[in-house]
């Protein structure tokens, strides 16, 4: 069963591709969605990453919690 993870405090320069690369190390990814402002199209500084399994999600959480990405 897929697990959706909230990824917060992101740089406005962080892309879906960067997150996909970062999280792929811990398991299969179902989807990545960087949330953007509807009017400006600029990223809001958070995203959702959906991992294919709970085990992959837990591994990503353990490895990436508190990690700095893109400054």
C-alpha atoms as a PDB file:
ATOM      1  CA  UNK A   1       0.000   0.000   0.000  1.00  0.00           C
ATOM      2  CA  UNK A   2       1.339   3.416  -1.003  1.00  0.00           C
ATOM      3  CA  UNK A   3       2.364   5.896   1.692  1.00  0.00           C
ATOM      4  CA  UNK A   4       2.180   9.647   1.076  1.00  0.00           C
ATOM      5  CA  UNK A   5       4.872  11.687   2.830  1.00  0.00           C
ATOM      6  CA  UNK A   6       4.800  15.417   3.511  1.00  0.00           C
ATOM      7  CA  UNK A   7       8.140  17.069   2.763  1.00  0.00           C
ATOM      8  CA  UNK A   8       8.393  20.554   4.254  1.00  0.00           C
ATOM      9  CA  UNK A   9      10.765  23.485   4.553  1.00  0.00           C
ATOM     10  CA  UNK A  10      11.970  23.076   0.969  1.00  0.00           C
ATOM     11  CA  UNK A  11      13.977  25.612  -0.957  1.00  0.00           C
ATOM     12  CA  UNK A  12      11.907  27.330  -3.637  1.00  0.00           C
ATOM     13  CA  UNK A  13      14.465  25.942  -6.103  1.00  0.00           C
ATOM     14  CA  UNK A  14      13.782  22.279  -5.271  1.00  0.00           C
ATOM     15  CA  UNK A  15      12.203  20.437  -8.197  1.00  0.00           C
ATOM     16  CA  UNK A  16      10.110  17.293  -8.520  1.00  0.00           C
ATOM     17  CA  UNK A  17      13.048  15.676 -10.313  1.00  0.00           C
ATOM     18  CA  UNK A  18      15.407  16.455  -7.435  1.00  0.00           C
ATOM     19  CA  UNK A  19      12.978  14.950  -4.911  1.00  0.00           C
ATOM     20  CA  UNK A  20      12.413  11.896  -7.099  1.00  0.00           C
ATOM     21  CA  UNK A  21      16.175  11.310  -7.278  1.00  0.00           C
ATOM     22  CA  UNK A  22      16.583  11.820  -3.536  1.00  0.00           C
ATOM     23  CA  UNK A  23      13.752   9.484  -2.492  1.00  0.00           C
ATOM     24  CA  UNK A  24      14.367   6.808  -5.177  1.00  0.00           C
ATOM     25  CA  UNK A  25      17.355   5.610  -3.171  1.00  0.00           C
ATOM     26  CA  UNK A  26      14.925   4.247  -0.546  1.00  0.00           C
ATOM     27  CA  UNK A  27      12.366   2.526  -2.750  1.00  0.00           C
ATOM     28  CA  UNK A  28       9.874   2.827  -5.569  1.00  0.00           C
ATOM     29  CA  UNK A  29       8.117   6.164  -5.930  1.00  0.00           C
ATOM     30  CA  UNK A  30       4.480   6.401  -7.025  1.00  0.00           C
ATOM     31  CA  UNK A  31       4.363  10.193  -7.406  1.00  0.00           C
ATOM     32  CA  UNK A  32       6.021  13.474  -6.478  1.00  0.00           C
ATOM     33  CA  UNK A  33       4.130  16.750  -6.266  1.00  0.00           C
ATOM     34  CA  UNK A  34       5.758  20.080  -5.438  1.00  0.00           C
ATOM     35  CA  UNK A  35       2.955  22.399  -4.366  1.00  0.00           C
ATOM     36  CA  UNK A  36       2.856  25.723  -6.211  1.00  0.00           C
ATOM     37  CA  UNK A  37       0.984  28.969  -5.786  1.00  0.00           C
ATOM     38  CA  UNK A  38      -2.021  29.006  -8.088  1.00  0.00           C
ATOM     39  CA  UNK A  39      -1.556  32.630  -9.142  1.00  0.00           C
ATOM     40  CA  UNK A  40       2.219  32.925  -9.507  1.00  0.00           C
ATOM     41  CA  UNK A  41       3.186  29.322 -10.226  1.00  0.00           C
ATOM     42  CA  UNK A  42       6.040  29.598  -7.720  1.00  0.00           C
ATOM     43  CA  UNK A  43       6.697  26.705  -5.344  1.00  0.00           C
ATOM     44  CA  UNK A  44       5.293  27.150  -1.833  1.00  0.00           C
ATOM     45  CA  UNK A  45       8.170  25.344  -0.095  1.00  0.00           C
ATOM     46  CA  UNK A  46       6.598  21.938   0.462  1.00  0.00           C
ATOM     47  CA  UNK A  47       5.779  18.780  -1.455  1.00  0.00           C
ATOM     48  CA  UNK A  48       4.237  15.328  -1.216  1.00  0.00           C
ATOM     49  CA  UNK A  49       6.128  12.174  -2.139  1.00  0.00           C
ATOM     50  CA  UNK A  50       4.142   8.963  -2.444  1.00  0.00           C
ATOM     51  CA  UNK A  51       6.242   5.863  -1.838  1.00  0.00           C
ATOM     52  CA  UNK A  52       5.048   2.476  -3.158  1.00  0.00           C
ATOM     53  CA  UNK A  53       5.377   0.649   0.167  1.00  0.00           C
ATOM     54  CA  UNK A  54       5.315   1.480   3.832  1.00  0.00           C
ATOM     55  CA  UNK A  55       8.795  -0.010   4.229  1.00  0.00           C
ATOM     56  CA  UNK A  56      10.186   2.362   1.590  1.00  0.00           C
ATOM     57  CA  UNK A  57       8.439   5.299   3.261  1.00  0.00           C
ATOM     58  CA  UNK A  58       9.859   4.393   6.668  1.00  0.00           C
ATOM     59  CA  UNK A  59      13.369   3.994   5.224  1.00  0.00           C
ATOM     60  CA  UNK A  60      13.132   7.423   3.578  1.00  0.00           C
ATOM     61  CA  UNK A  61      11.871   9.018   6.783  1.00  0.00           C
ATOM     62  CA  UNK A  62      14.711   7.511   8.836  1.00  0.00           C
ATOM     63  CA  UNK A  63      17.344   8.591   6.324  1.00  0.00           C
ATOM     64  CA  UNK A  64      16.058  12.016   5.335  1.00  0.00           C
ATOM     65  CA  UNK A  65      14.426  13.455   8.462  1.00  0.00           C
ATOM     66  CA  UNK A  66      16.247  16.691   9.247  1.00  0.00           C
ATOM     67  CA  UNK A  67      18.451  16.493   6.142  1.00  0.00           C
ATOM     68  CA  UNK A  68      19.197  19.711   4.247  1.00  0.00           C
ATOM     69  CA  UNK A  69      18.439  19.647   0.535  1.00  0.00           C
ATOM     70  CA  UNK A  70      19.270  22.436  -1.944  1.00  0.00           C
ATOM     71  CA  UNK A  71      20.540  24.695   0.839  1.00  0.00           C
END
